[in-house]
């Protein structure tokens, strides 16, 4: 019998054994010993125990990380469900604030500071299974100015900030008809610094104005801009703006998302994971931009470490990837410009900010934003069959001698 079958069998016999007279108990013990192979004294001890006392003990030494599982889960959720390597890197930044909110003993703090990423994966395995989503996009290739904007096919190999990728994330819901919001994501290749703004539609003026606003908010000089082939980027307005500002403007190959891999990754971590795939219209524009300009910007750039791929080698049928030490975007910028005044200001701000307060504010604003999801009919868009139905009705009236309806 398997251990599970033995346990179920003993649970059934235990009730009969407790209510049986002495002679019947002897017969039950003989039956239990013959069925399970237990010694008679062992069978007596098992059958005399109440069900609540029996526990399934795990073999081996107890894990020192069992006590900190709840703390790790709280940190993981507050930090936005980061990868275990990134979670390990952010623990020194978050632990001083976590000790103010949770009962963390010195032994638990030592365990948290020495825990490995693989152990974090084991502790959080059950919770991680619930984090799955799909991605899709609505970018259409543009044809204007393509011969003026060079295609960048080489991989980014930069040692200074300012070389960026930009992309739009659609918030159209199930239908791409009508006007809806887009999130403009700009990612710095060297540091991983991300700035995001929401714009209404994909108009050239709105996209160029958002890029200009982001340029003023960056703690470094914007040197290069790389986009896809959508007409929202490949247009004269943005082309002339980059020319006048001394910004190198390049584009990726059509239908090759790997050419913009850095910003495509941030589209998930900074937009889709938070706002999902719902439809947002003008009513949510101010609320989303309030989140992008304030709490989310500080959380992702000051408190969230990221990793950079150093090399990738093929081993058989798989690829082995080697990453550098996880660092926050601010720390990467401080490594190359330690005396920069704007970066020092951000460093002082990080020392004063409580990341748990930031996480609570982000969650509160997201609840408000989710209440602004557009769920009614799409304004300004006629049903695709309405035009056809109108003409059928008009032909029937003409056939019956009724004057045709005036077109509206």
Protein backbone atom coordinates (compact mmCIF):
# COMPACT_ATOMS: atom_id res chain seq x y z
CA UNK A 1 0.00 0.00 0.00
CA UNK A 2 1.13 3.54 -0.69
CA UNK A 3 1.61 5.93 2.25
CA UNK A 4 -1.48 7.84 1.16
CA UNK A 5 -3.58 4.66 1.09
CA UNK A 6 -2.29 3.65 4.53
CA UNK A 7 -3.20 7.07 5.91
CA UNK A 8 -6.73 6.91 4.46
CA UNK A 9 -7.19 3.36 5.75
CA UNK A 10 -6.11 4.28 9.28
CA UNK A 11 -8.46 7.30 9.30
CA UNK A 12 -11.38 4.93 8.68
CA UNK A 13 -10.26 2.33 11.26
CA UNK A 14 -9.54 4.98 13.93
CA UNK A 15 -13.24 5.83 14.40
CA UNK A 16 -14.23 2.15 14.69
CA UNK A 17 -11.31 1.44 17.06
CA UNK A 18 -12.32 4.25 19.46
CA UNK A 19 -15.92 2.99 19.79
CA UNK A 20 -15.20 -0.78 19.81
CA UNK A 21 -15.15 -3.02 22.95
CA UNK A 22 -11.89 -4.65 24.08
CA UNK A 23 -12.36 -7.91 22.17
CA UNK A 24 -13.20 -6.09 18.94
CA UNK A 25 -10.18 -3.79 19.36
CA UNK A 26 -7.91 -6.84 19.46
CA UNK A 27 -9.40 -8.09 16.21
CA UNK A 28 -9.03 -4.64 14.60
CA UNK A 29 -5.38 -4.46 15.65
CA UNK A 30 -4.71 -7.86 14.10
CA UNK A 31 -6.36 -6.69 10.88
CA UNK A 32 -4.39 -3.39 10.83
CA UNK A 33 -1.06 -5.15 11.39
CA UNK A 34 -1.79 -7.65 8.62
CA UNK A 35 -2.85 -4.90 6.20
CA UNK A 36 -0.21 -2.23 6.88
CA UNK A 37 2.70 -4.25 8.23
CA UNK A 38 2.82 -2.13 11.42
CA UNK A 39 4.04 -3.56 14.74
CA UNK A 40 1.17 -4.07 17.15
CA UNK A 41 2.40 -1.36 19.58
CA UNK A 42 2.88 1.07 16.69
CA UNK A 43 -0.65 0.40 15.47
CA UNK A 44 -2.01 1.08 19.00
CA UNK A 45 -0.18 4.44 19.16
CA UNK A 46 -1.45 5.50 15.72
CA UNK A 47 -5.05 4.51 16.37
CA UNK A 48 -5.14 6.23 19.76
CA UNK A 49 -4.07 9.61 18.33
CA UNK A 50 -6.81 12.08 17.42
CA UNK A 51 -6.83 13.17 13.73
CA UNK A 52 -5.62 16.70 14.58
CA UNK A 53 -2.42 15.40 16.20
CA UNK A 54 -1.21 13.43 13.20
CA UNK A 55 1.20 15.46 11.04
CA UNK A 56 3.14 14.59 7.95
CA UNK A 57 6.71 15.49 8.82
CA UNK A 58 9.16 16.45 6.11
CA UNK A 59 12.37 14.50 6.16
CA UNK A 60 15.73 16.23 6.50
CA UNK A 61 16.73 19.49 8.13
CA UNK A 62 14.10 22.24 8.40
CA UNK A 63 14.58 25.05 5.90
CA UNK A 64 15.73 28.37 7.45
CA UNK A 65 13.70 30.23 4.82
CA UNK A 66 10.29 28.91 5.84
CA UNK A 67 9.89 31.73 8.35
CA UNK A 68 10.70 34.43 5.79
CA UNK A 69 8.37 33.12 3.05
CA UNK A 70 5.63 35.59 4.01
CA UNK A 71 8.10 38.49 4.05
CA UNK A 72 9.49 37.51 0.63
CA UNK A 73 5.97 37.24 -0.76
CA UNK A 74 5.08 40.70 0.59
CA UNK A 75 8.24 42.23 -0.90
CA UNK A 76 7.67 40.45 -4.21
CA UNK A 77 4.10 41.72 -4.51
CA UNK A 78 4.93 45.29 -3.42
CA UNK A 79 7.84 45.47 -5.89
CA UNK A 80 5.64 44.40 -8.80
CA UNK A 81 6.52 40.68 -9.06
CA UNK A 82 10.17 40.99 -10.21
CA UNK A 83 12.36 38.11 -11.36
CA UNK A 84 14.17 36.35 -8.50
CA UNK A 85 17.58 37.80 -9.49
CA UNK A 86 16.12 41.31 -9.45
CA UNK A 87 14.26 40.63 -6.21
CA UNK A 88 17.52 39.53 -4.59
CA UNK A 89 19.17 42.78 -5.76
CA UNK A 90 16.41 45.06 -4.43
CA UNK A 91 16.31 43.49 -0.95
CA UNK A 92 19.04 45.80 0.50
CA UNK A 93 17.08 48.86 -0.69
CA UNK A 94 13.73 47.65 0.62
CA UNK A 95 14.67 45.91 3.89
CA UNK A 96 15.05 49.09 6.03
CA UNK A 97 11.51 50.08 5.08
CA UNK A 98 10.20 46.52 5.42
CA UNK A 99 11.45 46.36 9.03
CA UNK A 100 9.20 49.34 9.83
CA UNK A 101 6.14 47.52 8.51
CA UNK A 102 6.75 43.85 9.43
CA UNK A 103 8.14 41.97 12.40
CA UNK A 104 11.54 40.93 11.07
CA UNK A 105 13.93 39.44 13.61
CA UNK A 106 17.74 39.62 13.20
CA UNK A 107 17.78 35.95 12.18
CA UNK A 108 15.12 36.59 9.53
CA UNK A 109 17.05 39.61 8.25
CA UNK A 110 20.21 37.50 7.92
CA UNK A 111 18.24 34.87 6.01
CA UNK A 112 16.80 37.52 3.67
CA UNK A 113 20.23 39.01 2.97
CA UNK A 114 21.78 35.61 2.22
CA UNK A 115 18.92 33.96 0.31
CA UNK A 116 19.81 32.89 -3.23
CA UNK A 117 17.68 33.54 -6.33
CA UNK A 118 17.03 29.80 -6.76
CA UNK A 119 15.69 29.59 -3.20
CA UNK A 120 13.47 32.59 -3.87
CA UNK A 121 12.08 30.74 -6.89
CA UNK A 122 11.28 27.70 -4.75
CA UNK A 123 9.63 29.78 -2.02
CA UNK A 124 7.49 31.73 -4.50
CA UNK A 125 6.85 28.90 -6.97
CA UNK A 126 3.16 28.47 -6.20
CA UNK A 127 2.47 32.19 -6.49
CA UNK A 128 4.39 32.57 -9.75
CA UNK A 129 2.20 30.09 -11.59
CA UNK A 130 -0.63 32.62 -11.61
CA UNK A 131 1.29 35.30 -13.54
CA UNK A 132 0.65 34.59 -17.25
CA UNK A 133 -0.52 36.99 -20.01
CA UNK A 134 -0.52 37.38 -23.81
CA UNK A 135 0.87 40.27 -25.86
CA UNK A 136 -0.27 41.80 -29.10
CA UNK A 137 0.15 45.09 -30.92
CA UNK A 138 -1.56 47.35 -33.46
CA UNK A 139 1.38 49.14 -35.10
CA UNK A 140 1.02 49.61 -38.86
CA UNK A 141 4.08 50.31 -40.99
CA UNK A 142 4.45 53.79 -42.44
CA UNK A 143 5.98 54.63 -45.81
CA UNK A 144 6.80 58.33 -45.50
CA UNK A 145 10.46 59.40 -45.21
CA UNK A 146 11.80 55.86 -45.05
CA UNK A 147 14.62 56.65 -47.43
CA UNK A 148 15.74 59.53 -45.15
CA UNK A 149 15.72 57.56 -41.87
CA UNK A 150 18.45 54.88 -41.77
CA UNK A 151 17.71 51.32 -40.68
CA UNK A 152 19.65 50.17 -37.63
CA UNK A 153 20.50 46.47 -37.88
CA UNK A 154 23.53 46.27 -35.55
CA UNK A 155 23.06 45.43 -31.86
CA UNK A 156 23.32 48.23 -29.33
CA UNK A 157 26.78 48.45 -27.81
CA UNK A 158 26.82 51.71 -25.86
CA UNK A 159 28.75 52.79 -22.78
CA UNK A 160 26.93 56.08 -22.14
CA UNK A 161 23.28 57.01 -21.57
CA UNK A 162 21.18 58.85 -24.12
CA UNK A 163 20.73 56.17 -26.82
CA UNK A 164 17.07 55.17 -26.63
CA UNK A 165 14.31 53.10 -28.21
CA UNK A 166 10.71 54.32 -28.45
CA UNK A 167 7.41 52.55 -29.08
CA UNK A 168 3.65 52.93 -28.68
CA UNK A 169 1.41 50.54 -26.70
CA UNK A 170 -2.22 50.42 -27.80
CA UNK A 171 -5.11 50.66 -25.30
CA UNK A 172 -7.85 49.82 -27.77
CA UNK A 173 -9.48 46.86 -26.06
CA UNK A 174 -11.22 44.46 -28.45
CA UNK A 175 -11.71 47.03 -31.22
CA UNK A 176 -9.26 49.34 -32.97
CA UNK A 177 -12.05 51.64 -34.20
CA UNK A 178 -12.36 55.21 -33.03
CA UNK A 179 -9.96 57.20 -30.87
CA UNK A 180 -8.27 55.59 -27.87
CA UNK A 181 -5.20 56.10 -25.72
CA UNK A 182 -1.66 55.01 -26.53
CA UNK A 183 1.25 54.73 -24.08
CA UNK A 184 4.52 56.13 -25.43
CA UNK A 185 7.47 54.23 -23.97
CA UNK A 186 11.05 55.52 -24.21
CA UNK A 187 13.84 53.24 -22.92
CA UNK A 188 17.50 54.13 -22.44
CA UNK A 189 19.71 51.26 -23.64
CA UNK A 190 22.63 51.81 -21.26
CA UNK A 191 20.85 52.38 -17.95
CA UNK A 192 17.38 50.92 -18.50
CA UNK A 193 15.79 54.25 -17.53
CA UNK A 194 12.19 54.38 -18.78
CA UNK A 195 9.85 57.32 -19.26
CA UNK A 196 6.23 56.78 -20.30
CA UNK A 197 3.47 59.18 -21.36
CA UNK A 198 -0.11 58.58 -22.49
CA UNK A 199 -1.30 60.26 -25.68
CA UNK A 200 -4.70 60.37 -27.37
CA UNK A 201 -4.47 58.57 -30.68
CA UNK A 202 -1.36 58.22 -32.84
CA UNK A 203 -1.22 61.73 -34.23
CA UNK A 204 2.17 63.12 -35.20
CA UNK A 205 1.78 66.28 -33.11
CA UNK A 206 0.75 64.38 -29.94
CA UNK A 207 3.61 61.87 -30.27
CA UNK A 208 6.21 64.58 -30.94
CA UNK A 209 4.95 66.65 -27.98
CA UNK A 210 5.19 63.61 -25.68
CA UNK A 211 8.76 62.91 -26.81
CA UNK A 212 9.67 66.55 -26.17
CA UNK A 213 8.18 66.35 -22.65
CA UNK A 214 10.05 63.12 -21.94
CA UNK A 215 13.28 64.69 -23.20
CA UNK A 216 12.97 67.45 -20.55
CA UNK A 217 12.29 64.85 -17.82
CA UNK A 218 15.32 62.66 -18.59
CA UNK A 219 18.28 63.00 -16.18
CA UNK A 220 20.67 62.77 -19.15
CA UNK A 221 20.96 64.19 -22.67
CA UNK A 222 18.87 62.48 -25.35
CA UNK A 223 21.32 61.58 -28.12
CA UNK A 224 19.61 58.98 -30.30
CA UNK A 225 16.09 57.76 -30.97
CA UNK A 226 15.27 54.40 -32.56
CA UNK A 227 11.68 53.49 -33.48
CA UNK A 228 9.68 51.03 -35.53
CA UNK A 229 8.25 51.86 -38.96
CA UNK A 230 4.88 53.20 -37.82
CA UNK A 231 3.69 56.46 -39.36
CA UNK A 232 3.42 57.95 -35.87
CA UNK A 233 7.24 58.04 -35.82
CA UNK A 234 8.25 58.06 -39.49
CA UNK A 235 6.96 61.54 -40.32
CA UNK A 236 8.35 64.96 -41.17
CA UNK A 237 7.40 66.52 -37.84
CA UNK A 238 9.47 64.14 -35.71
CA UNK A 239 12.21 63.92 -38.36
CA UNK A 240 12.72 67.72 -38.37
CA UNK A 241 12.49 67.87 -34.57
CA UNK A 242 15.33 65.36 -34.25
CA UNK A 243 17.36 67.20 -36.89
CA UNK A 244 16.96 70.54 -35.12
CA UNK A 245 17.78 69.03 -31.70
CA UNK A 246 20.84 67.08 -32.81
CA UNK A 247 19.20 63.70 -32.09
CA UNK A 248 20.20 60.74 -34.24
CA UNK A 249 16.99 59.22 -35.63
CA UNK A 250 16.99 55.57 -36.79
CA UNK A 251 14.38 52.87 -37.36
CA UNK A 252 14.23 49.09 -37.18
CA UNK A 253 13.45 46.66 -39.98
CA UNK A 254 9.76 46.14 -40.80
CA UNK A 255 8.16 43.23 -38.92
CA UNK A 256 11.35 42.59 -36.91
CA UNK A 257 10.45 43.17 -33.25
CA UNK A 258 13.88 42.00 -32.12
CA UNK A 259 15.31 45.24 -33.52
CA UNK A 260 13.45 47.04 -30.69
CA UNK A 261 13.82 44.32 -28.07
CA UNK A 262 14.68 46.69 -25.19
CA UNK A 263 11.54 48.80 -25.44
CA UNK A 264 9.35 45.78 -26.29
CA UNK A 265 10.34 44.29 -22.92
CA UNK A 266 9.46 47.54 -21.13
CA UNK A 267 6.09 47.61 -22.89
CA UNK A 268 5.17 44.63 -20.71
CA UNK A 269 6.78 45.60 -17.39
CA UNK A 270 5.78 49.28 -17.44
CA UNK A 271 2.44 49.26 -19.30
CA UNK A 272 0.70 45.97 -20.08
CA UNK A 273 1.24 44.39 -16.67
CA UNK A 274 -0.39 47.43 -15.05
CA UNK A 275 -3.11 48.53 -17.46
CA UNK A 276 -3.82 45.23 -19.20
CA UNK A 277 -5.63 45.11 -22.56
CA UNK A 278 -8.72 47.20 -21.73
CA UNK A 279 -9.89 50.18 -23.77
CA UNK A 280 -9.09 53.64 -22.42
CA UNK A 281 -10.30 56.88 -23.94
CA UNK A 282 -9.87 60.58 -23.14
CA UNK A 283 -11.52 60.27 -19.69
CA UNK A 284 -8.51 58.29 -18.44
CA UNK A 285 -5.76 60.43 -20.05
CA UNK A 286 -5.06 62.68 -17.05
CA UNK A 287 -5.17 59.83 -14.50
CA UNK A 288 -2.76 57.61 -16.48
CA UNK A 289 -0.30 60.45 -17.05
CA UNK A 290 -0.45 61.33 -13.35
CA UNK A 291 0.72 57.79 -12.59
CA UNK A 292 3.38 57.79 -15.32
CA UNK A 293 4.90 61.15 -14.31
CA UNK A 294 5.08 60.49 -10.57
CA UNK A 295 4.95 57.25 -8.56
CA UNK A 296 5.55 54.75 -11.37
CA UNK A 297 8.53 56.70 -12.70
CA UNK A 298 10.16 56.79 -9.26
CA UNK A 299 9.40 53.16 -8.45
CA UNK A 300 10.77 51.68 -11.68
CA UNK A 301 13.85 53.91 -12.05
CA UNK A 302 14.93 54.33 -8.41
CA UNK A 303 13.89 51.09 -6.68
CA UNK A 304 13.66 48.37 -9.34
CA UNK A 305 16.96 46.70 -10.37
CA UNK A 306 17.30 45.43 -13.92
CA UNK A 307 19.81 43.13 -15.63
CA UNK A 308 21.69 43.52 -18.90
CA UNK A 309 22.61 40.65 -21.18
CA UNK A 310 26.40 40.37 -21.46
CA UNK A 311 26.69 37.41 -23.81
CA UNK A 312 24.71 34.53 -25.24
CA UNK A 313 26.25 31.21 -26.25
CA UNK A 314 24.64 28.21 -27.87
CA UNK A 315 24.89 24.92 -25.95
CA UNK A 316 23.38 22.13 -28.00
CA UNK A 317 19.79 23.07 -28.79
CA UNK A 318 19.64 25.79 -26.13
CA UNK A 319 21.08 29.23 -25.53
CA UNK A 320 22.96 30.07 -22.37
CA UNK A 321 22.59 33.70 -21.34
CA UNK A 322 24.95 35.49 -18.96
CA UNK A 323 23.73 38.68 -17.29
CA UNK A 324 25.55 41.35 -15.32
CA UNK A 325 24.89 42.25 -11.68
CA UNK A 326 21.36 43.67 -11.24
CA UNK A 327 21.32 47.43 -10.69
CA UNK A 328 18.68 50.13 -10.67
CA UNK A 329 18.72 52.59 -13.61
CA UNK A 330 19.75 55.35 -11.18
CA UNK A 331 22.75 53.33 -9.94
CA UNK A 332 23.88 52.68 -13.52
CA UNK A 333 23.77 56.39 -14.25
CA UNK A 334 25.63 57.25 -11.03
CA UNK A 335 28.39 54.81 -12.01
CA UNK A 336 29.26 56.91 -15.09
CA UNK A 337 28.39 60.38 -13.71
CA UNK A 338 28.79 60.29 -9.91
CA UNK A 339 28.97 64.08 -9.58
CA UNK A 340 25.97 64.97 -11.71
CA UNK A 341 23.72 67.34 -9.74
CA UNK A 342 20.41 65.97 -11.08
CA UNK A 343 21.44 62.39 -10.27
CA UNK A 344 22.53 63.38 -6.76
CA UNK A 345 19.12 64.99 -6.24
CA UNK A 346 17.44 61.75 -7.29
CA UNK A 347 19.72 59.78 -4.97
CA UNK A 348 18.75 61.99 -2.01
CA UNK A 349 15.10 61.61 -2.97
CA UNK A 350 15.43 57.81 -2.97
CA UNK A 351 16.90 57.89 0.54
CA UNK A 352 13.77 59.70 1.78
CA UNK A 353 11.14 57.73 -0.14
CA UNK A 354 9.43 54.65 1.29
CA UNK A 355 8.98 52.09 -1.56
CA UNK A 356 6.01 50.52 0.22
CA UNK A 357 4.26 53.91 0.24
CA UNK A 358 5.00 54.23 -3.46
CA UNK A 359 3.59 50.75 -4.09
CA UNK A 360 0.40 51.59 -2.17
CA UNK A 361 -0.01 54.85 -4.12
CA UNK A 362 0.46 53.01 -7.43
CA UNK A 363 -2.13 50.42 -6.44
CA UNK A 364 -4.59 53.13 -5.39
CA UNK A 365 -4.17 55.04 -8.66
CA UNK A 366 -4.48 51.83 -10.68
CA UNK A 367 -7.82 51.08 -9.02
CA UNK A 368 -9.03 54.52 -10.07
CA UNK A 369 -7.69 54.05 -13.62
CA UNK A 370 -9.37 50.65 -13.95
CA UNK A 371 -12.68 52.28 -13.02
CA UNK A 372 -12.27 54.53 -16.10
CA UNK A 373 -12.17 51.62 -18.58
CA UNK A 374 -14.44 52.41 -21.54
CA UNK A 375 -17.16 49.75 -21.66
CA UNK A 376 -19.89 51.44 -23.74
CA UNK A 377 -20.28 51.78 -27.52
CA UNK A 378 -17.37 53.33 -29.38
CA UNK A 379 -18.17 56.97 -30.05
CA UNK A 380 -17.95 58.35 -33.57
CA UNK A 381 -17.94 54.88 -35.21
CA UNK A 382 -20.92 53.55 -37.12
CA UNK A 383 -21.71 49.86 -37.23
CA UNK A 384 -19.83 48.29 -40.17
CA UNK A 385 -23.14 47.09 -41.66
CA UNK A 386 -25.08 50.35 -41.13
CA UNK A 387 -24.03 51.85 -44.48
CA UNK A 388 -25.00 48.68 -46.34
CA UNK A 389 -28.37 48.43 -44.55
CA UNK A 390 -29.13 52.06 -45.38
CA UNK A 391 -28.64 51.47 -49.14
CA UNK A 392 -30.75 48.28 -49.08
CA UNK A 393 -33.58 50.23 -47.41
CA UNK A 394 -33.22 53.01 -50.00
CA UNK A 395 -33.44 50.58 -52.92
CA UNK A 396 -36.62 49.02 -51.49
CA UNK A 397 -38.29 52.43 -51.18
CA UNK A 398 -37.43 53.32 -54.78
CA UNK A 399 -38.85 49.97 -55.97
CA UNK A 400 -42.15 50.62 -54.15
CA UNK A 401 -42.44 54.16 -55.53
CA UNK A 402 -41.54 55.88 -52.26
CA UNK A 403 -39.20 58.89 -52.56
CA UNK A 404 -35.66 58.07 -51.45
CA UNK A 405 -34.55 59.21 -48.03
CA UNK A 406 -32.26 62.19 -48.00
CA UNK A 407 -28.73 61.28 -47.14
CA UNK A 408 -27.62 62.66 -43.84
